[in-house]
Protein backbone atom coordinates (compact mmCIF):
# COMPACT_ATOMS: atom_id res chain seq x y z
CA UNK A 1 89.71 34.99 76.45
CA UNK A 2 91.23 32.79 73.70
CA UNK A 3 94.46 30.79 74.45
CA UNK A 4 97.18 33.11 72.97
CA UNK A 5 99.15 30.10 72.11
CA UNK A 6 96.27 28.97 70.04
CA UNK A 7 95.97 32.21 68.45
CA UNK A 8 99.79 32.20 67.54
CA UNK A 9 99.50 28.77 66.08
CA UNK A 10 96.49 29.88 63.77
CA UNK A 11 98.58 32.95 62.64
CA UNK A 12 101.51 30.33 61.90
CA UNK A 13 99.14 28.38 60.00
CA UNK A 14 97.75 31.06 57.95
CA UNK A 15 101.09 32.29 57.14
CA UNK A 16 101.70 28.84 55.78
CA UNK A 17 98.79 28.44 53.88
CA UNK A 18 99.45 32.00 52.16
CA UNK A 19 103.00 30.66 51.27
CA UNK A 20 101.14 27.53 49.66
CA UNK A 21 99.06 30.27 47.53
CA UNK A 22 102.12 31.78 46.33
CA UNK A 23 102.82 34.64 48.64
CA UNK A 24 106.38 34.70 50.33
CA UNK A 25 106.84 36.15 53.51
CA UNK A 26 108.23 39.28 51.86
CA UNK A 27 105.10 39.49 49.45
CA UNK A 28 102.87 38.94 52.70
CA UNK A 29 104.65 42.03 54.32
CA UNK A 30 104.06 43.90 51.18
CA UNK A 31 100.46 43.22 50.92
CA UNK A 32 100.26 44.32 54.59
CA UNK A 33 102.54 47.29 54.52
CA UNK A 34 105.01 45.82 56.97
CA UNK A 35 108.39 44.28 56.77
CA UNK A 36 109.04 40.64 56.36
CA UNK A 37 110.66 40.47 59.67
CA UNK A 38 107.34 41.87 61.07
CA UNK A 39 105.40 39.01 59.45
CA UNK A 40 107.52 36.44 61.38
CA UNK A 41 106.92 38.19 64.49
CA UNK A 42 103.29 37.85 64.22
CA UNK A 43 103.21 34.13 65.06
CA UNK A 44 105.98 34.35 67.70
CA UNK A 45 104.23 37.16 69.69
CA UNK A 46 100.59 36.77 68.68
CA UNK A 47 100.46 40.53 68.11
CA UNK A 48 98.61 41.30 64.81
CA UNK A 49 96.60 44.26 64.12
CA UNK A 50 93.04 43.78 62.67
CA UNK A 51 94.11 45.26 59.45
CA UNK A 52 97.02 42.87 58.88
CA UNK A 53 94.90 39.92 60.17
CA UNK A 54 92.43 40.77 57.43
CA UNK A 55 95.23 40.89 54.90
CA UNK A 56 96.42 37.60 56.18
CA UNK A 57 93.15 35.85 56.12
CA UNK A 58 92.69 37.05 52.40
CA UNK A 59 95.99 35.90 51.28
CA UNK A 60 95.49 32.35 53.00
CA UNK A 61 91.90 32.06 51.74
CA UNK A 62 90.54 31.97 55.27
CA UNK A 63 87.83 34.02 57.24
CA UNK A 64 88.59 36.05 59.92
CA UNK A 65 86.36 34.10 62.22
CA UNK A 66 88.92 31.14 61.83
CA UNK A 67 91.19 33.01 63.92
CA UNK A 68 88.97 33.45 66.86
CA UNK A 69 86.97 30.32 66.82
CA UNK A 70 86.68 28.68 70.06
CA UNK A 71 86.30 24.67 70.65
CA UNK A 72 82.88 23.72 71.27
CA UNK A 73 81.46 23.03 74.87
CA UNK A 74 83.01 19.92 76.21
CA UNK A 75 85.39 19.60 73.29
CA UNK A 76 88.90 18.39 73.99
CA UNK A 77 91.65 19.66 71.70
CA UNK A 78 95.31 18.34 71.98
CA UNK A 79 96.62 19.89 68.80
CA UNK A 80 96.60 23.00 66.74
CA UNK A 81 93.72 24.18 64.86
CA UNK A 82 92.49 22.70 61.62
CA UNK A 83 91.36 24.69 58.57
CA UNK A 84 88.10 22.54 58.65
CA UNK A 85 87.21 24.17 62.08
CA UNK A 86 86.50 27.20 60.31
CA UNK A 87 82.70 27.15 60.78
CA UNK A 88 82.25 25.52 64.17
CA UNK A 89 79.91 27.48 66.46
CA UNK A 90 81.35 29.26 69.49
CA UNK A 91 79.75 28.36 72.85
CA UNK A 92 77.29 30.77 74.54
CA UNK A 93 78.43 33.13 77.44
CA UNK A 94 78.33 31.27 80.73
CA UNK A 95 79.35 27.76 79.20
CA UNK A 96 82.57 26.23 79.86
CA UNK A 97 85.13 25.31 77.31
CA UNK A 98 87.54 22.30 77.82
CA UNK A 99 90.83 22.78 75.97
CA UNK A 100 93.81 20.74 76.66
CA UNK A 101 92.38 19.22 79.86
CA UNK A 102 91.63 22.78 81.36
CA UNK A 103 88.15 24.22 82.07
CA UNK A 104 88.13 27.87 81.09
CA UNK A 105 85.38 30.58 81.17
CA UNK A 106 83.85 30.71 77.64
CA UNK A 107 84.73 34.07 75.54
CA UNK A 108 82.39 36.93 74.89
CA UNK A 109 80.86 36.56 71.38
CA UNK A 110 82.44 38.27 68.60
CA UNK A 111 81.47 41.92 68.27
CA UNK A 112 80.18 43.04 64.96
CA UNK A 113 80.39 46.31 63.38
CA UNK A 114 78.12 47.87 60.55
CA UNK A 115 79.40 50.05 57.67
CA UNK A 116 77.25 51.43 54.87
CA UNK A 117 76.99 50.06 51.26
CA UNK A 118 77.50 53.13 48.93
CA UNK A 119 77.79 53.66 45.22
CA UNK A 120 80.93 54.54 43.36
CA UNK A 121 79.62 58.07 43.03
CA UNK A 122 79.02 58.37 46.65
CA UNK A 123 82.28 56.96 47.33
CA UNK A 124 83.77 59.72 45.06
CA UNK A 125 82.28 62.25 47.42
CA UNK A 126 83.28 60.46 50.57
CA UNK A 127 85.89 62.49 52.90
CA UNK A 128 86.55 62.44 56.67
CA UNK A 129 84.10 65.42 57.02
CA UNK A 130 81.36 64.69 54.48
CA UNK A 131 78.88 61.89 54.30
CA UNK A 132 77.51 61.52 50.78
CA UNK A 133 73.87 61.02 51.45
CA UNK A 134 71.06 62.89 53.15
CA UNK A 135 69.68 62.16 56.77
CA UNK A 136 66.90 59.79 56.32
CA UNK A 137 68.32 58.41 53.17
CA UNK A 138 71.09 56.23 54.97
CA UNK A 139 72.18 53.29 52.63
CA UNK A 140 71.92 49.68 53.72
CA UNK A 141 74.62 48.65 56.01
CA UNK A 142 76.60 45.31 56.11
CA UNK A 143 78.07 43.69 59.21
CA UNK A 144 81.60 42.53 59.86
CA UNK A 145 83.80 41.67 62.92
CA UNK A 146 86.34 43.81 61.34
CA UNK A 147 86.75 47.07 63.56
CA UNK A 148 87.99 49.96 61.04
CA UNK A 149 90.78 52.37 62.06
CA UNK A 150 88.94 55.21 60.31
CA UNK A 151 85.64 55.58 58.70
CA UNK A 152 84.76 52.77 56.42
CA UNK A 153 82.43 51.85 53.66
CA UNK A 154 81.58 48.91 51.31
CA UNK A 155 81.40 48.96 47.58
CA UNK A 156 79.99 46.51 45.27
CA UNK A 157 82.56 45.25 42.38
CA UNK A 158 81.22 46.10 39.01
CA UNK A 159 82.76 44.97 35.81
CA UNK A 160 85.64 42.35 35.51
CA UNK A 161 88.65 44.74 35.89
CA UNK A 162 89.53 43.08 39.18
CA UNK A 163 88.80 39.47 38.10
CA UNK A 164 92.30 37.84 37.88
CA UNK A 165 93.25 35.02 35.45
CA UNK A 166 92.31 31.62 36.39
CA UNK A 167 94.83 30.51 39.10
CA UNK A 168 95.80 33.86 40.08
CA UNK A 169 95.14 35.30 43.51
CA UNK A 170 93.63 37.56 44.64
CA UNK A 171 90.72 37.75 42.30
CA UNK A 172 87.71 39.97 43.19
CA UNK A 173 84.72 39.08 40.67
CA UNK A 174 81.89 41.27 39.74
CA UNK A 175 79.22 41.52 42.57
CA UNK A 176 81.52 41.22 45.37
CA UNK A 177 81.28 43.33 48.38
CA UNK A 178 84.42 45.01 49.33
CA UNK A 179 85.11 46.90 52.56
CA UNK A 180 87.38 50.05 52.61
CA UNK A 181 89.05 51.54 55.61
CA UNK A 182 89.92 55.10 55.43
CA UNK A 183 92.25 54.75 58.29
CA UNK A 184 94.88 52.58 56.74
CA UNK A 185 97.87 53.92 54.80
CA UNK A 186 97.75 53.23 51.11
CA UNK A 187 101.08 51.67 50.47
CA UNK A 188 102.21 49.94 46.99
CA UNK A 189 100.56 46.41 46.98
CA UNK A 190 97.43 47.50 48.65
CA UNK A 191 93.91 47.26 46.84
CA UNK A 192 92.21 50.60 47.19
CA UNK A 193 89.25 52.73 46.28
CA UNK A 194 90.62 55.87 44.32
CA UNK A 195 89.11 58.60 42.56
CA UNK A 196 90.93 60.48 39.62
CA UNK A 197 90.71 64.30 39.00
CA UNK A 198 88.75 63.69 35.91
CA UNK A 199 86.02 61.36 37.33
CA UNK A 200 83.25 61.60 39.85
CA UNK A 201 83.30 58.02 40.68
CA UNK A 202 85.50 55.88 42.64
CA UNK A 203 87.56 52.94 40.99
CA UNK A 204 88.69 49.82 42.49
CA UNK A 205 92.29 48.99 41.63
CA UNK A 206 95.76 47.67 43.15
CA UNK A 207 98.18 50.50 44.03
CA UNK A 208 101.74 49.46 42.72
CA UNK A 209 105.09 51.24 42.28
CA UNK A 210 107.62 50.82 39.40
CA UNK A 211 110.53 52.80 38.64
CA UNK A 212 109.62 55.50 41.20
CA UNK A 213 106.28 56.00 39.75
CA UNK A 214 102.91 54.83 41.11
CA UNK A 215 99.96 53.40 39.06
CA UNK A 216 96.59 51.85 39.63
CA UNK A 217 96.63 48.25 38.28
CA UNK A 218 93.66 45.96 37.36
CA UNK A 219 94.08 42.56 38.47
CA UNK A 220 92.72 41.57 34.97
CA UNK A 221 95.58 42.16 32.57
CA UNK A 222 93.30 43.10 29.65
CA UNK A 223 92.90 46.62 31.39
CA UNK A 224 95.79 49.05 30.93
CA UNK A 225 97.78 50.61 33.85
CA UNK A 226 96.65 54.11 35.10
CA UNK A 227 99.46 56.34 35.90
CA UNK A 228 99.12 58.56 38.88
CA UNK A 229 100.98 61.71 39.58
CA UNK A 230 98.84 63.69 41.82
CA UNK A 231 95.95 63.35 39.93
CA UNK A 232 94.31 60.81 42.22
CA UNK A 233 92.78 60.69 45.78
CA UNK A 234 92.82 57.55 47.69
CA UNK A 235 89.39 56.97 49.27
CA UNK A 236 90.19 53.82 51.41
CA UNK A 237 92.15 50.62 51.61
CA UNK A 238 90.50 47.33 50.76
CA UNK A 239 90.48 45.09 54.07
CA UNK A 240 87.63 42.43 53.59
CA UNK A 241 85.57 40.87 50.62
CA UNK A 242 82.14 39.19 50.58
CA UNK A 243 80.85 37.05 47.82
CA UNK A 244 77.00 36.07 47.83
CA UNK A 245 76.11 32.91 46.19
């Protein structure tokens, strides 16, 4: 298994990078739906849920793989992980890993999960008990190392409503694949897939609260706020984004 101290160091480094990107500890907690104190506890205990780790990776500009990367066979590491280590390959099962002078059994490879890529109309029909496609007509599936807490699905971003101004983060441009988890609580600050009562399609926005009222906000300020007051169903919370070049 991965050294707990290495993982804790990576969580601490990711928090530092997120702060460099303009996210205070309180803001990180808001994005993850936890208290600032809980964020501080992540790097001390090494206990971070998969959903919160995905949020932290997004804010820090990292991939989830970076948190779990192991040194290569025969590689000796004497300090904490570097961001540049992100894409190094993991050793094969049965190989040994030298870390800080000790020989350890190599870890099992990261386990991947596959979730369907569906349309905005299909997402609008998505519930815990209904799958919006016929047997034999299953959509394409996209793989990820994220293990969903509920049912999960991917949506492809359409339009520029979630493209933030230059220098602002997060920014999710058109064509990005976004993974939504139905098992995560939608709290203010989260990016969500939602369906308004007067539409049969899902929309992708940030859930915010102001003055006791909730709104759906586009990351592009050219789009107006959408007030919600019981006329909206949250379909899932965004946990990962992929962009193809």
